[in-house]
Amino acid sequence: MDVLERLRSILDESGDHHNPGPEALRQIMGSVRSVAVVGISRNPEKAARRIPAYLASKGYEVIPVNPFVDEVLGKKAVPSLEDLTGPVDMVLVFRPSEEAATVVEAAMNREERPVIWLQEGIRADEAVETARARGLTVVQDLCTYKVHKAL
C-alpha cells in the first residue's frame, strides 16, 4: 500500500468527508513547522501529551496552550491562543467537541491564518464550516499521529 492509499484509509476512518485529501494532508504535514497544541496534557499517558511529544520528536516546534500548566515538554505554556504572541503554522486541538468551536473561532481570528486541526474524535461542524468558508484549511476528527506515521 502506497502513502496516498494509507492516507485515504485513515481519512475513511474520519467522520468528516470534507477533510482535505491525501495530497493536501501530505502538504500540510510537510509545510507546518510550529504547532500550538490547545489542551496539551501534563499526563504522559494521555494522547494529548503523547502525540505532541511525538510531533516534537519529529522536529515540529510544539507550543503548549493550557491554562492549568506552567510548562510541558520543556516549554512554557500559554493560557490561551489569544495569549500566544508569535505566529503558528497549525493549531492542534485536544479539547472536547463541546469546547472545540471556541478554539476554532480563536484560531480563525489569528492574523497568520493557521491550519486548524481537531484531533480524532473531536468535531465542531458549524465552526469548521465557517472557517472553511473563510478559506482556512481545517481538519477534524483525524489523528495527526496516524497521518504523520502514514507519511
N, C-alpha and C. Protein backbone atom coordinates (compact mmCIF):
# COMPACT_ATOMS: atom_id res chain seq x y z
N MET A 1 0.85 -1.18 0.00
CA MET A 1 0.00 0.00 0.00
C MET A 1 0.90 1.25 0.00
N ASP A 2 0.66 2.15 -0.95
CA ASP A 2 1.49 3.35 -1.01
C ASP A 2 0.97 4.40 -0.03
N VAL A 3 1.71 5.51 0.08
CA VAL A 3 1.40 6.56 1.05
C VAL A 3 -0.01 7.11 0.86
N LEU A 4 -0.37 7.41 -0.38
CA LEU A 4 -1.69 8.00 -0.63
C LEU A 4 -2.81 7.02 -0.27
N GLU A 5 -2.60 5.74 -0.53
CA GLU A 5 -3.60 4.75 -0.15
C GLU A 5 -3.74 4.67 1.37
N ARG A 6 -2.58 4.72 2.09
CA ARG A 6 -2.63 4.70 3.55
C ARG A 6 -3.39 5.92 4.07
N LEU A 7 -3.12 7.08 3.48
CA LEU A 7 -3.81 8.30 3.90
C LEU A 7 -5.30 8.22 3.59
N ARG A 8 -5.66 7.68 2.44
CA ARG A 8 -7.09 7.51 2.11
C ARG A 8 -7.78 6.63 3.14
N SER A 9 -7.10 5.57 3.55
CA SER A 9 -7.65 4.65 4.55
C SER A 9 -7.86 5.37 5.89
N ILE A 10 -6.91 6.20 6.28
CA ILE A 10 -7.04 6.97 7.53
C ILE A 10 -8.18 7.98 7.40
N LEU A 11 -8.27 8.63 6.25
CA LEU A 11 -9.36 9.59 6.02
C LEU A 11 -10.72 8.91 6.08
N ASP A 12 -10.80 7.68 5.61
CA ASP A 12 -12.07 6.95 5.64
C ASP A 12 -12.56 6.71 7.07
N GLU A 13 -11.62 6.70 8.04
CA GLU A 13 -11.98 6.49 9.44
C GLU A 13 -12.61 7.74 10.04
N SER A 14 -12.37 8.90 9.44
CA SER A 14 -12.89 10.15 9.96
C SER A 14 -14.37 10.29 9.62
N GLY A 15 -15.09 10.97 10.50
CA GLY A 15 -16.50 11.23 10.24
C GLY A 15 -16.72 12.44 9.34
N ASP A 16 -15.65 13.18 9.02
CA ASP A 16 -15.79 14.37 8.19
C ASP A 16 -15.23 14.09 6.81
N HIS A 17 -16.12 13.92 5.85
CA HIS A 17 -15.68 13.61 4.49
C HIS A 17 -15.34 14.86 3.69
N HIS A 18 -15.31 16.01 4.37
CA HIS A 18 -14.88 17.26 3.74
C HIS A 18 -13.47 17.64 4.16
N ASN A 19 -12.80 16.74 4.88
CA ASN A 19 -11.41 16.99 5.25
C ASN A 19 -10.56 17.09 3.98
N PRO A 20 -9.43 17.77 4.06
CA PRO A 20 -8.51 17.81 2.90
C PRO A 20 -8.13 16.39 2.50
N GLY A 21 -7.85 16.21 1.22
CA GLY A 21 -7.48 14.90 0.69
C GLY A 21 -6.06 14.50 1.02
N PRO A 22 -5.66 13.30 0.57
CA PRO A 22 -4.33 12.78 0.87
C PRO A 22 -3.18 13.71 0.47
N GLU A 23 -3.23 14.27 -0.73
CA GLU A 23 -2.15 15.17 -1.17
C GLU A 23 -2.08 16.41 -0.29
N ALA A 24 -3.24 16.96 0.05
CA ALA A 24 -3.27 18.15 0.91
C ALA A 24 -2.73 17.83 2.30
N LEU A 25 -3.06 16.66 2.84
CA LEU A 25 -2.53 16.27 4.15
C LEU A 25 -1.01 16.14 4.11
N ARG A 26 -0.51 15.57 3.02
CA ARG A 26 0.95 15.45 2.88
C ARG A 26 1.58 16.84 2.84
N GLN A 27 0.95 17.76 2.12
CA GLN A 27 1.47 19.13 2.02
C GLN A 27 1.42 19.82 3.38
N ILE A 28 0.32 19.64 4.12
CA ILE A 28 0.19 20.26 5.44
C ILE A 28 1.31 19.78 6.36
N MET A 29 1.46 18.47 6.47
CA MET A 29 2.46 17.92 7.39
C MET A 29 3.88 18.28 6.96
N GLY A 30 4.08 18.50 5.66
CA GLY A 30 5.41 18.87 5.18
C GLY A 30 5.73 20.35 5.33
N SER A 31 4.71 21.20 5.39
CA SER A 31 4.97 22.64 5.45
C SER A 31 4.86 23.22 6.85
N VAL A 32 4.12 22.55 7.72
CA VAL A 32 3.95 23.04 9.09
C VAL A 32 5.25 22.86 9.87
N ARG A 33 5.61 23.89 10.62
CA ARG A 33 6.79 23.81 11.49
C ARG A 33 6.42 24.05 12.95
N SER A 34 5.52 25.02 13.20
CA SER A 34 5.14 25.35 14.58
C SER A 34 3.68 24.96 14.81
N VAL A 35 3.45 24.31 15.95
CA VAL A 35 2.12 23.79 16.26
C VAL A 35 1.72 24.24 17.67
N ALA A 36 0.67 25.05 17.75
CA ALA A 36 0.10 25.40 19.05
C ALA A 36 -0.86 24.29 19.43
N VAL A 37 -0.60 23.63 20.54
CA VAL A 37 -1.41 22.49 20.96
C VAL A 37 -2.33 22.93 22.09
N VAL A 38 -3.60 23.15 21.74
CA VAL A 38 -4.59 23.61 22.71
C VAL A 38 -5.14 22.39 23.45
N GLY A 39 -4.94 22.39 24.77
CA GLY A 39 -5.40 21.26 25.58
C GLY A 39 -4.32 20.22 25.80
N ILE A 40 -3.06 20.59 25.55
CA ILE A 40 -1.97 19.66 25.80
C ILE A 40 -2.03 19.23 27.27
N SER A 41 -1.70 17.99 27.52
CA SER A 41 -1.79 17.45 28.88
C SER A 41 -0.41 17.29 29.50
N ARG A 42 -0.36 17.42 30.81
CA ARG A 42 0.90 17.14 31.52
C ARG A 42 1.05 15.64 31.79
N ASN A 43 -0.05 14.88 31.61
CA ASN A 43 -0.05 13.44 31.86
C ASN A 43 0.52 12.71 30.65
N PRO A 44 1.71 12.11 30.80
CA PRO A 44 2.36 11.45 29.66
C PRO A 44 1.61 10.25 29.10
N GLU A 45 0.59 9.77 29.81
CA GLU A 45 -0.17 8.62 29.31
C GLU A 45 -1.32 9.04 28.40
N LYS A 46 -1.67 10.31 28.39
CA LYS A 46 -2.79 10.77 27.56
C LYS A 46 -2.33 11.10 26.15
N ALA A 47 -3.22 10.87 25.18
CA ALA A 47 -2.93 11.20 23.79
C ALA A 47 -2.58 12.68 23.64
N ALA A 48 -3.19 13.52 24.46
CA ALA A 48 -2.94 14.97 24.40
C ALA A 48 -1.53 15.33 24.87
N ARG A 49 -0.78 14.36 25.31
CA ARG A 49 0.64 14.55 25.64
C ARG A 49 1.51 13.70 24.72
N ARG A 50 1.09 12.45 24.48
CA ARG A 50 1.90 11.54 23.65
C ARG A 50 2.05 12.07 22.23
N ILE A 51 0.96 12.53 21.63
CA ILE A 51 1.02 12.98 20.24
C ILE A 51 1.85 14.26 20.09
N PRO A 52 1.66 15.27 20.94
CA PRO A 52 2.56 16.44 20.84
C PRO A 52 4.03 16.07 21.08
N ALA A 53 4.29 15.14 22.00
CA ALA A 53 5.67 14.70 22.24
C ALA A 53 6.23 14.03 20.98
N TYR A 54 5.41 13.22 20.33
CA TYR A 54 5.83 12.59 19.08
C TYR A 54 6.17 13.66 18.03
N LEU A 55 5.26 14.63 17.87
CA LEU A 55 5.50 15.69 16.88
C LEU A 55 6.78 16.46 17.19
N ALA A 56 7.01 16.74 18.47
CA ALA A 56 8.24 17.43 18.87
C ALA A 56 9.47 16.59 18.52
N SER A 57 9.36 15.27 18.71
CA SER A 57 10.49 14.39 18.40
C SER A 57 10.78 14.32 16.90
N LYS A 58 9.79 14.71 16.09
CA LYS A 58 9.95 14.72 14.63
C LYS A 58 10.33 16.10 14.10
N GLY A 59 10.65 17.03 15.00
CA GLY A 59 11.17 18.32 14.58
C GLY A 59 10.18 19.47 14.54
N TYR A 60 8.93 19.21 14.91
CA TYR A 60 7.95 20.29 14.96
C TYR A 60 8.16 21.09 16.24
N GLU A 61 7.97 22.41 16.15
CA GLU A 61 8.01 23.23 17.35
C GLU A 61 6.63 23.18 17.98
N VAL A 62 6.54 22.57 19.15
CA VAL A 62 5.27 22.42 19.85
C VAL A 62 5.14 23.53 20.88
N ILE A 63 4.05 24.27 20.80
CA ILE A 63 3.78 25.36 21.74
C ILE A 63 2.60 24.94 22.60
N PRO A 64 2.83 24.69 23.89
CA PRO A 64 1.75 24.24 24.76
C PRO A 64 0.76 25.38 25.06
N VAL A 65 -0.53 25.07 24.92
CA VAL A 65 -1.59 26.02 25.24
C VAL A 65 -2.52 25.32 26.24
N ASN A 66 -2.40 25.74 27.51
CA ASN A 66 -3.19 25.14 28.57
C ASN A 66 -3.11 26.07 29.78
N PRO A 67 -4.25 26.57 30.27
CA PRO A 67 -4.21 27.50 31.39
C PRO A 67 -3.87 26.85 32.73
N PHE A 68 -3.82 25.53 32.78
CA PHE A 68 -3.62 24.83 34.05
C PHE A 68 -2.22 24.26 34.22
N VAL A 69 -1.33 24.52 33.28
CA VAL A 69 0.05 24.04 33.41
C VAL A 69 1.01 25.20 33.14
N ASP A 70 2.17 25.15 33.79
CA ASP A 70 3.19 26.17 33.57
C ASP A 70 4.12 25.80 32.43
N GLU A 71 4.43 24.50 32.35
CA GLU A 71 5.41 24.03 31.37
C GLU A 71 5.07 22.60 30.97
N VAL A 72 5.23 22.32 29.68
CA VAL A 72 5.03 20.97 29.17
C VAL A 72 6.08 20.73 28.09
N LEU A 73 6.68 19.57 28.09
CA LEU A 73 7.71 19.20 27.11
C LEU A 73 8.85 20.22 27.11
N GLY A 74 9.14 20.76 28.29
CA GLY A 74 10.25 21.70 28.42
C GLY A 74 9.96 23.08 27.87
N LYS A 75 8.70 23.37 27.56
CA LYS A 75 8.32 24.67 27.00
C LYS A 75 7.31 25.34 27.92
N LYS A 76 7.43 26.65 28.05
CA LYS A 76 6.48 27.42 28.84
C LYS A 76 5.12 27.40 28.14
N ALA A 77 4.08 27.10 28.90
CA ALA A 77 2.73 27.06 28.35
C ALA A 77 2.11 28.45 28.37
N VAL A 78 1.23 28.72 27.41
CA VAL A 78 0.43 29.93 27.43
C VAL A 78 -1.00 29.52 27.75
N PRO A 79 -1.76 30.40 28.42
CA PRO A 79 -3.11 30.02 28.84
C PRO A 79 -4.12 29.86 27.71
N SER A 80 -3.97 30.62 26.63
CA SER A 80 -4.95 30.55 25.54
C SER A 80 -4.30 30.97 24.23
N LEU A 81 -4.98 30.71 23.13
CA LEU A 81 -4.47 31.15 21.83
C LEU A 81 -4.33 32.67 21.78
N GLU A 82 -5.25 33.37 22.43
CA GLU A 82 -5.18 34.84 22.45
C GLU A 82 -3.92 35.34 23.15
N ASP A 83 -3.35 34.53 24.06
CA ASP A 83 -2.13 34.90 24.77
C ASP A 83 -0.86 34.54 24.00
N LEU A 84 -1.01 33.85 22.91
CA LEU A 84 0.14 33.44 22.10
C LEU A 84 0.52 34.59 21.17
N THR A 85 1.71 35.13 21.38
CA THR A 85 2.10 36.33 20.64
C THR A 85 2.73 36.05 19.29
N GLY A 86 3.44 34.97 19.14
CA GLY A 86 4.09 34.69 17.86
C GLY A 86 3.20 33.93 16.92
N PRO A 87 3.54 33.92 15.64
CA PRO A 87 2.75 33.18 14.66
C PRO A 87 2.93 31.66 14.80
N VAL A 88 1.92 30.93 14.39
CA VAL A 88 1.98 29.46 14.36
C VAL A 88 1.45 28.99 13.01
N ASP A 89 1.95 27.85 12.59
CA ASP A 89 1.51 27.27 11.32
C ASP A 89 0.23 26.45 11.48
N MET A 90 0.07 25.85 12.67
CA MET A 90 -1.09 24.99 12.89
C MET A 90 -1.56 25.11 14.33
N VAL A 91 -2.88 25.06 14.51
CA VAL A 91 -3.48 24.96 15.83
C VAL A 91 -4.07 23.56 15.92
N LEU A 92 -3.52 22.77 16.83
CA LEU A 92 -3.95 21.39 17.04
C LEU A 92 -4.80 21.34 18.31
N VAL A 93 -6.03 20.84 18.19
CA VAL A 93 -6.99 20.92 19.27
C VAL A 93 -7.21 19.57 19.95
N PHE A 94 -6.96 19.56 21.25
CA PHE A 94 -7.24 18.41 22.12
C PHE A 94 -8.22 18.86 23.20
N ARG A 95 -9.36 19.34 22.83
CA ARG A 95 -10.43 19.75 23.74
C ARG A 95 -11.68 18.98 23.36
N PRO A 96 -12.60 18.77 24.30
CA PRO A 96 -13.83 18.06 23.95
C PRO A 96 -14.60 18.80 22.85
N SER A 97 -15.37 18.06 22.09
CA SER A 97 -16.13 18.65 20.98
C SER A 97 -16.95 19.84 21.41
N GLU A 98 -17.55 19.79 22.61
CA GLU A 98 -18.40 20.90 23.05
C GLU A 98 -17.59 22.18 23.32
N GLU A 99 -16.27 22.07 23.44
CA GLU A 99 -15.41 23.25 23.64
C GLU A 99 -14.62 23.62 22.39
N ALA A 100 -14.64 22.76 21.39
CA ALA A 100 -13.78 22.94 20.22
C ALA A 100 -14.17 24.15 19.38
N ALA A 101 -15.44 24.48 19.29
CA ALA A 101 -15.87 25.61 18.46
C ALA A 101 -15.21 26.91 18.92
N THR A 102 -15.09 27.09 20.22
CA THR A 102 -14.45 28.29 20.76
C THR A 102 -13.00 28.38 20.32
N VAL A 103 -12.32 27.25 20.30
CA VAL A 103 -10.91 27.22 19.87
C VAL A 103 -10.82 27.49 18.38
N VAL A 104 -11.72 26.89 17.59
CA VAL A 104 -11.72 27.13 16.14
C VAL A 104 -11.93 28.62 15.87
N GLU A 105 -12.85 29.24 16.57
CA GLU A 105 -13.11 30.66 16.39
C GLU A 105 -11.88 31.51 16.73
N ALA A 106 -11.20 31.17 17.81
CA ALA A 106 -9.99 31.90 18.19
C ALA A 106 -8.91 31.72 17.13
N ALA A 107 -8.79 30.51 16.60
CA ALA A 107 -7.78 30.24 15.57
C ALA A 107 -8.11 30.99 14.28
N MET A 108 -9.41 31.08 13.95
CA MET A 108 -9.84 31.81 12.75
C MET A 108 -9.44 33.28 12.81
N ASN A 109 -9.38 33.82 14.02
CA ASN A 109 -9.08 35.23 14.19
C ASN A 109 -7.59 35.54 14.19
N ARG A 110 -6.77 34.53 14.11
CA ARG A 110 -5.32 34.77 14.09
C ARG A 110 -4.91 35.32 12.73
N GLU A 111 -4.06 36.31 12.78
CA GLU A 111 -3.63 37.01 11.56
C GLU A 111 -2.95 36.09 10.55
N GLU A 112 -2.17 35.13 11.03
CA GLU A 112 -1.41 34.27 10.11
C GLU A 112 -2.24 33.17 9.47
N ARG A 113 -3.50 33.03 9.86
CA ARG A 113 -4.42 32.05 9.27
C ARG A 113 -3.84 30.62 9.30
N PRO A 114 -3.62 30.08 10.49
CA PRO A 114 -3.03 28.75 10.60
C PRO A 114 -3.98 27.65 10.14
N VAL A 115 -3.40 26.50 9.84
CA VAL A 115 -4.19 25.29 9.66
C VAL A 115 -4.82 24.99 11.02
N ILE A 116 -6.07 24.59 11.01
CA ILE A 116 -6.76 24.22 12.25
C ILE A 116 -7.03 22.72 12.18
N TRP A 117 -6.59 22.00 13.21
CA TRP A 117 -6.71 20.53 13.19
C TRP A 117 -7.33 20.06 14.49
N LEU A 118 -8.51 19.46 14.40
CA LEU A 118 -9.17 18.88 15.56
C LEU A 118 -8.85 17.39 15.57
N GLN A 119 -8.27 16.96 16.67
CA GLN A 119 -7.78 15.60 16.81
C GLN A 119 -8.92 14.59 16.66
N GLU A 120 -8.57 13.36 16.40
CA GLU A 120 -9.53 12.27 16.22
C GLU A 120 -10.57 12.26 17.35
N GLY A 121 -11.84 12.17 16.95
CA GLY A 121 -12.93 12.14 17.91
C GLY A 121 -13.47 13.51 18.28
N ILE A 122 -12.85 14.57 17.76
CA ILE A 122 -13.26 15.94 18.09
C ILE A 122 -13.86 16.59 16.86
N ARG A 123 -15.07 17.14 17.04
CA ARG A 123 -15.77 17.80 15.93
C ARG A 123 -16.40 19.09 16.41
N ALA A 124 -16.46 20.04 15.50
CA ALA A 124 -17.16 21.32 15.72
C ALA A 124 -17.68 21.75 14.36
N ASP A 125 -18.67 21.03 13.85
CA ASP A 125 -19.11 21.16 12.46
C ASP A 125 -19.43 22.60 12.04
N GLU A 126 -20.20 23.32 12.82
CA GLU A 126 -20.58 24.67 12.41
C GLU A 126 -19.37 25.60 12.34
N ALA A 127 -18.54 25.58 13.37
CA ALA A 127 -17.35 26.44 13.38
C ALA A 127 -16.39 26.05 12.27
N VAL A 128 -16.25 24.75 12.03
CA VAL A 128 -15.37 24.27 10.96
C VAL A 128 -15.90 24.72 9.61
N GLU A 129 -17.20 24.62 9.40
CA GLU A 129 -17.79 25.07 8.14
C GLU A 129 -17.54 26.57 7.92
N THR A 130 -17.68 27.35 8.98
CA THR A 130 -17.42 28.79 8.89
C THR A 130 -15.96 29.06 8.54
N ALA A 131 -15.06 28.36 9.20
CA ALA A 131 -13.63 28.55 8.94
C ALA A 131 -13.29 28.17 7.50
N ARG A 132 -13.83 27.06 7.03
CA ARG A 132 -13.58 26.65 5.65
C ARG A 132 -14.15 27.65 4.67
N ALA A 133 -15.33 28.19 4.97
CA ALA A 133 -15.95 29.20 4.10
C ALA A 133 -15.09 30.46 4.03
N ARG A 134 -14.32 30.72 5.08
CA ARG A 134 -13.41 31.88 5.10
C ARG A 134 -12.06 31.56 4.45
N GLY A 135 -11.94 30.36 3.92
CA GLY A 135 -10.73 29.99 3.21
C GLY A 135 -9.64 29.36 4.04
N LEU A 136 -9.92 29.03 5.29
CA LEU A 136 -8.91 28.38 6.12
C LEU A 136 -8.92 26.88 5.88
N THR A 137 -7.78 26.26 6.06
CA THR A 137 -7.68 24.81 5.98
C THR A 137 -8.01 24.24 7.35
N VAL A 138 -9.01 23.36 7.38
CA VAL A 138 -9.42 22.76 8.65
C VAL A 138 -9.56 21.26 8.47
N VAL A 139 -9.01 20.54 9.44
CA VAL A 139 -9.12 19.09 9.50
C VAL A 139 -9.82 18.79 10.83
N GLN A 140 -10.78 17.87 10.80
CA GLN A 140 -11.39 17.49 12.09
C GLN A 140 -11.61 15.98 12.14
N ASP A 141 -11.64 15.49 13.38
CA ASP A 141 -11.87 14.07 13.63
C ASP A 141 -10.84 13.20 12.91
N LEU A 142 -9.58 13.62 13.01
CA LEU A 142 -8.49 12.89 12.35
C LEU A 142 -7.25 12.97 13.23
N CYS A 143 -6.52 11.89 13.33
CA CYS A 143 -5.35 11.81 14.21
C CYS A 143 -4.08 12.26 13.48
N THR A 144 -3.44 13.29 14.02
CA THR A 144 -2.19 13.78 13.42
C THR A 144 -1.09 12.71 13.47
N TYR A 145 -1.07 11.94 14.54
CA TYR A 145 -0.07 10.88 14.65
C TYR A 145 -0.23 9.86 13.52
N LYS A 146 -1.45 9.39 13.30
CA LYS A 146 -1.70 8.40 12.24
C LYS A 146 -1.32 8.95 10.87
N VAL A 147 -1.67 10.22 10.64
CA VAL A 147 -1.34 10.83 9.35
C VAL A 147 0.17 10.94 9.18
N HIS A 148 0.86 11.42 10.21
CA HIS A 148 2.31 11.57 10.11
C HIS A 148 2.99 10.22 9.94
N LYS A 149 2.55 9.22 10.68
CA LYS A 149 3.14 7.88 10.56
C LYS A 149 2.93 7.31 9.16
N ALA A 150 1.77 7.58 8.55
CA ALA A 150 1.49 7.09 7.21
C ALA A 150 2.45 7.70 6.19
N LEU A 151 2.91 8.90 6.48
CA LEU A 151 3.84 9.57 5.55
C LEU A 151 5.25 9.02 5.72
